[in-house]
Structures are given as C-alpha cells and as structure tokens.
Amino acid sequence: MAGYGERFAVPLISEYALRKAFWWEGEWRGKPMSCFVTEKRAVCKVGEKMTAFYVFDTPQGVYLRPEIKLIDDWIKVAHRGDDS
C-alpha cells in the first residue's frame, strides 16, 4: 500500500474493504499490471504509471474497468468458483 501513495490509498482503507481485498498481477495493453483490488475500486500500477479502476463483482467473476471514460476495456481478475 505504501508504494501506491496516500492519494490512491486513502479511499481504499476501511476494515470491510480490506477483508475482501486481494492483490492481482497481470498484463494490460501490453504492459505489466499490478493491482490492489477492493470491493469497489482498484488501484493499479500499469507500466510506470498509477491508475484507478472500477471493480465489478459478477456471477462470472471479478472484473476491472478503467475510470478513464475513453477506454472501455474490461479485465477479468478473478474467476467465480463454488467457494467465492
């Protein structure tokens, strides 16, 4: 969390949000991506930049969508299993 800076971390901190939070690493648009995902928002390092994503928890899995309105990519970060 410290690596993400106060500007991005503050909205994520609540006891409830942290209980359901998880870390995800992958790739987006050809760049490495590392995210701290909470119930409603994810803060990610994409390449060398920090950016925020909306989180959507669906019956098929957990998806991220950039907060940037011009980009409508959805990224699946967790599959929905029987024990979810």
N, C-alpha and C. Protein backbone atom coordinates (compact mmCIF):
# COMPACT_ATOMS: atom_id res chain seq x y z
N MET A 1 0.83 -1.20 0.00
CA MET A 1 0.00 0.00 0.00
C MET A 1 0.86 1.25 0.00
N ALA A 2 1.97 1.23 0.73
CA ALA A 2 2.81 2.42 0.83
C ALA A 2 3.34 2.83 -0.54
N GLY A 3 3.58 1.87 -1.41
CA GLY A 3 4.08 2.16 -2.74
C GLY A 3 3.08 2.88 -3.62
N TYR A 4 1.82 2.84 -3.27
CA TYR A 4 0.79 3.48 -4.08
C TYR A 4 0.54 4.92 -3.68
N GLY A 5 1.05 5.35 -2.58
CA GLY A 5 0.91 6.74 -2.18
C GLY A 5 -0.44 7.04 -1.56
N GLU A 6 -0.46 8.06 -0.75
CA GLU A 6 -1.66 8.42 0.01
C GLU A 6 -2.82 8.79 -0.90
N ARG A 7 -2.56 9.45 -2.01
CA ARG A 7 -3.63 9.90 -2.91
C ARG A 7 -4.50 8.73 -3.37
N PHE A 8 -3.90 7.60 -3.68
CA PHE A 8 -4.65 6.45 -4.17
C PHE A 8 -5.13 5.57 -3.03
N ALA A 9 -4.40 5.48 -1.94
CA ALA A 9 -4.69 4.50 -0.89
C ALA A 9 -5.84 4.92 0.03
N VAL A 10 -6.00 6.19 0.29
CA VAL A 10 -6.99 6.64 1.27
C VAL A 10 -8.40 6.13 0.99
N PRO A 11 -8.94 6.20 -0.25
CA PRO A 11 -10.31 5.72 -0.47
C PRO A 11 -10.45 4.21 -0.28
N LEU A 12 -9.36 3.48 -0.25
CA LEU A 12 -9.42 2.03 -0.15
C LEU A 12 -9.47 1.54 1.29
N ILE A 13 -9.12 2.38 2.24
CA ILE A 13 -8.91 1.91 3.60
C ILE A 13 -10.22 1.94 4.39
N SER A 14 -10.71 0.78 4.64
CA SER A 14 -11.80 0.55 5.58
C SER A 14 -11.69 -0.91 5.96
N GLU A 15 -12.11 -1.24 7.14
CA GLU A 15 -11.97 -2.62 7.60
C GLU A 15 -12.72 -3.58 6.67
N TYR A 16 -13.93 -3.21 6.28
CA TYR A 16 -14.73 -4.07 5.40
C TYR A 16 -14.05 -4.26 4.04
N ALA A 17 -13.56 -3.16 3.47
CA ALA A 17 -12.90 -3.23 2.16
C ALA A 17 -11.65 -4.10 2.23
N LEU A 18 -10.90 -4.00 3.29
CA LEU A 18 -9.66 -4.77 3.40
C LEU A 18 -9.91 -6.25 3.60
N ARG A 19 -11.03 -6.62 4.20
CA ARG A 19 -11.35 -8.05 4.37
C ARG A 19 -11.57 -8.75 3.03
N LYS A 20 -12.08 -8.05 2.06
CA LYS A 20 -12.36 -8.65 0.75
C LYS A 20 -11.29 -8.30 -0.29
N ALA A 21 -10.29 -7.56 0.09
CA ALA A 21 -9.26 -7.10 -0.85
C ALA A 21 -8.34 -8.24 -1.27
N PHE A 22 -7.79 -8.10 -2.47
CA PHE A 22 -6.78 -9.05 -2.93
C PHE A 22 -5.83 -8.36 -3.89
N TRP A 23 -4.69 -9.00 -4.11
CA TRP A 23 -3.66 -8.49 -5.00
C TRP A 23 -3.75 -9.25 -6.31
N TRP A 24 -3.62 -8.56 -7.43
CA TRP A 24 -3.65 -9.21 -8.74
C TRP A 24 -2.53 -8.67 -9.60
N GLU A 25 -1.87 -9.55 -10.31
CA GLU A 25 -0.83 -9.15 -11.25
C GLU A 25 -1.12 -9.77 -12.59
N GLY A 26 -0.93 -9.00 -13.63
CA GLY A 26 -1.18 -9.49 -14.98
C GLY A 26 -0.62 -8.53 -15.99
N GLU A 27 -1.32 -8.41 -17.12
CA GLU A 27 -0.88 -7.54 -18.19
C GLU A 27 -2.09 -6.83 -18.77
N TRP A 28 -1.91 -5.57 -19.16
CA TRP A 28 -2.99 -4.81 -19.79
C TRP A 28 -2.40 -3.94 -20.87
N ARG A 29 -2.90 -4.07 -22.06
CA ARG A 29 -2.44 -3.30 -23.21
C ARG A 29 -0.94 -3.42 -23.42
N GLY A 30 -0.43 -4.64 -23.20
CA GLY A 30 0.97 -4.91 -23.44
C GLY A 30 1.93 -4.47 -22.35
N LYS A 31 1.41 -3.99 -21.23
CA LYS A 31 2.26 -3.54 -20.13
C LYS A 31 1.97 -4.36 -18.89
N PRO A 32 3.00 -4.59 -18.06
CA PRO A 32 2.76 -5.30 -16.80
C PRO A 32 1.84 -4.48 -15.91
N MET A 33 0.99 -5.17 -15.18
CA MET A 33 -0.01 -4.50 -14.35
C MET A 33 -0.05 -5.18 -12.98
N SER A 34 -0.05 -4.37 -11.94
CA SER A 34 -0.10 -4.86 -10.58
C SER A 34 -1.17 -4.06 -9.84
N CYS A 35 -2.18 -4.76 -9.26
CA CYS A 35 -3.33 -4.06 -8.68
C CYS A 35 -3.64 -4.51 -7.26
N PHE A 36 -4.08 -3.54 -6.47
CA PHE A 36 -4.67 -3.81 -5.17
C PHE A 36 -6.16 -3.62 -5.37
N VAL A 37 -6.92 -4.69 -5.27
CA VAL A 37 -8.35 -4.69 -5.61
C VAL A 37 -9.18 -4.76 -4.34
N THR A 38 -10.09 -3.80 -4.16
CA THR A 38 -11.02 -3.83 -3.05
C THR A 38 -12.43 -4.01 -3.61
N GLU A 39 -13.42 -3.83 -2.77
CA GLU A 39 -14.80 -4.10 -3.18
C GLU A 39 -15.28 -3.25 -4.36
N LYS A 40 -14.93 -1.97 -4.40
CA LYS A 40 -15.47 -1.08 -5.43
C LYS A 40 -14.42 -0.41 -6.30
N ARG A 41 -13.16 -0.45 -5.87
CA ARG A 41 -12.13 0.29 -6.59
C ARG A 41 -10.82 -0.48 -6.53
N ALA A 42 -10.07 -0.39 -7.62
CA ALA A 42 -8.74 -0.99 -7.66
C ALA A 42 -7.75 0.10 -8.02
N VAL A 43 -6.60 0.06 -7.38
CA VAL A 43 -5.51 0.98 -7.69
C VAL A 43 -4.42 0.13 -8.30
N CYS A 44 -3.98 0.53 -9.50
CA CYS A 44 -3.05 -0.31 -10.25
C CYS A 44 -1.84 0.48 -10.72
N LYS A 45 -0.74 -0.22 -10.79
CA LYS A 45 0.45 0.31 -11.42
C LYS A 45 0.52 -0.38 -12.77
N VAL A 46 0.41 0.41 -13.83
CA VAL A 46 0.46 -0.09 -15.20
C VAL A 46 1.72 0.46 -15.82
N GLY A 47 2.68 -0.41 -16.07
CA GLY A 47 3.99 0.08 -16.51
C GLY A 47 4.57 0.93 -15.40
N GLU A 48 4.80 2.19 -15.67
CA GLU A 48 5.35 3.12 -14.67
C GLU A 48 4.30 4.09 -14.11
N LYS A 49 3.06 3.98 -14.54
CA LYS A 49 2.01 4.91 -14.13
C LYS A 49 1.02 4.28 -13.17
N MET A 50 0.44 5.10 -12.31
CA MET A 50 -0.62 4.67 -11.39
C MET A 50 -1.96 5.07 -12.00
N THR A 51 -2.94 4.19 -11.88
CA THR A 51 -4.27 4.50 -12.38
C THR A 51 -5.31 3.75 -11.55
N ALA A 52 -6.53 4.23 -11.59
CA ALA A 52 -7.61 3.63 -10.80
C ALA A 52 -8.60 2.94 -11.73
N PHE A 53 -9.22 1.88 -11.21
CA PHE A 53 -10.20 1.09 -11.95
C PHE A 53 -11.43 0.88 -11.08
N TYR A 54 -12.59 0.81 -11.73
CA TYR A 54 -13.81 0.40 -11.04
C TYR A 54 -13.80 -1.12 -10.94
N VAL A 55 -14.39 -1.66 -9.90
CA VAL A 55 -14.45 -3.11 -9.69
C VAL A 55 -15.91 -3.55 -9.85
N PHE A 56 -16.12 -4.61 -10.64
CA PHE A 56 -17.44 -5.18 -10.84
C PHE A 56 -17.39 -6.65 -10.45
N ASP A 57 -18.15 -7.00 -9.42
CA ASP A 57 -18.23 -8.38 -8.93
C ASP A 57 -19.48 -9.00 -9.54
N THR A 58 -19.28 -9.90 -10.51
CA THR A 58 -20.40 -10.51 -11.22
C THR A 58 -20.45 -12.00 -10.92
N PRO A 59 -21.53 -12.68 -11.29
CA PRO A 59 -21.59 -14.13 -11.08
C PRO A 59 -20.49 -14.89 -11.85
N GLN A 60 -19.95 -14.31 -12.92
CA GLN A 60 -18.91 -14.95 -13.70
C GLN A 60 -17.50 -14.68 -13.18
N GLY A 61 -17.34 -13.66 -12.34
CA GLY A 61 -16.02 -13.32 -11.81
C GLY A 61 -15.92 -11.85 -11.46
N VAL A 62 -14.72 -11.44 -11.10
CA VAL A 62 -14.45 -10.05 -10.75
C VAL A 62 -13.74 -9.39 -11.92
N TYR A 63 -14.25 -8.23 -12.33
CA TYR A 63 -13.71 -7.51 -13.48
C TYR A 63 -13.29 -6.10 -13.07
N LEU A 64 -12.29 -5.58 -13.78
CA LEU A 64 -11.87 -4.18 -13.60
C LEU A 64 -12.18 -3.43 -14.88
N ARG A 65 -12.58 -2.17 -14.72
CA ARG A 65 -12.80 -1.28 -15.87
C ARG A 65 -12.14 0.04 -15.54
N PRO A 66 -11.32 0.59 -16.43
CA PRO A 66 -10.64 1.85 -16.14
C PRO A 66 -11.62 2.98 -15.83
N GLU A 67 -11.22 3.86 -14.92
CA GLU A 67 -12.05 5.03 -14.62
C GLU A 67 -11.99 6.05 -15.75
N ILE A 68 -11.06 5.90 -16.66
CA ILE A 68 -10.95 6.79 -17.82
C ILE A 68 -12.11 6.47 -18.76
N LYS A 69 -12.96 7.43 -19.01
CA LYS A 69 -14.18 7.20 -19.78
C LYS A 69 -13.93 6.84 -21.25
N LEU A 70 -12.77 7.20 -21.79
CA LEU A 70 -12.49 6.93 -23.20
C LEU A 70 -12.07 5.49 -23.45
N ILE A 71 -11.78 4.75 -22.40
CA ILE A 71 -11.35 3.35 -22.54
C ILE A 71 -12.40 2.45 -21.91
N ASP A 72 -12.87 1.47 -22.67
CA ASP A 72 -13.92 0.58 -22.16
C ASP A 72 -13.45 -0.87 -22.09
N ASP A 73 -12.17 -1.07 -21.80
CA ASP A 73 -11.65 -2.43 -21.63
C ASP A 73 -12.11 -2.99 -20.29
N TRP A 74 -12.45 -4.26 -20.28
CA TRP A 74 -12.78 -4.97 -19.03
C TRP A 74 -11.73 -6.04 -18.83
N ILE A 75 -11.22 -6.15 -17.62
CA ILE A 75 -10.16 -7.10 -17.31
C ILE A 75 -10.68 -8.07 -16.26
N LYS A 76 -10.67 -9.35 -16.57
CA LYS A 76 -11.11 -10.35 -15.59
C LYS A 76 -9.95 -10.67 -14.66
N VAL A 77 -10.15 -10.45 -13.35
CA VAL A 77 -9.06 -10.64 -12.39
C VAL A 77 -9.32 -11.79 -11.42
N ALA A 78 -10.52 -12.32 -11.39
CA ALA A 78 -10.83 -13.45 -10.51
C ALA A 78 -12.01 -14.22 -11.09
N HIS A 79 -11.90 -15.54 -11.06
CA HIS A 79 -12.98 -16.39 -11.52
C HIS A 79 -13.92 -16.68 -10.36
N ARG A 80 -15.15 -16.94 -10.66
CA ARG A 80 -16.14 -17.25 -9.64
C ARG A 80 -16.18 -18.76 -9.48
N GLY A 81 -15.91 -19.22 -8.28
CA GLY A 81 -15.95 -20.65 -8.01
C GLY A 81 -17.00 -20.94 -6.95
N ASP A 82 -17.10 -22.17 -6.54
CA ASP A 82 -18.08 -22.58 -5.53
C ASP A 82 -17.82 -21.96 -4.17
N ASP A 83 -16.55 -21.67 -3.85
CA ASP A 83 -16.21 -21.14 -2.54
C ASP A 83 -16.00 -19.63 -2.52
N SER A 84 -16.46 -18.91 -3.54
CA SER A 84 -16.26 -17.46 -3.63
C SER A 84 -17.15 -16.72 -2.66
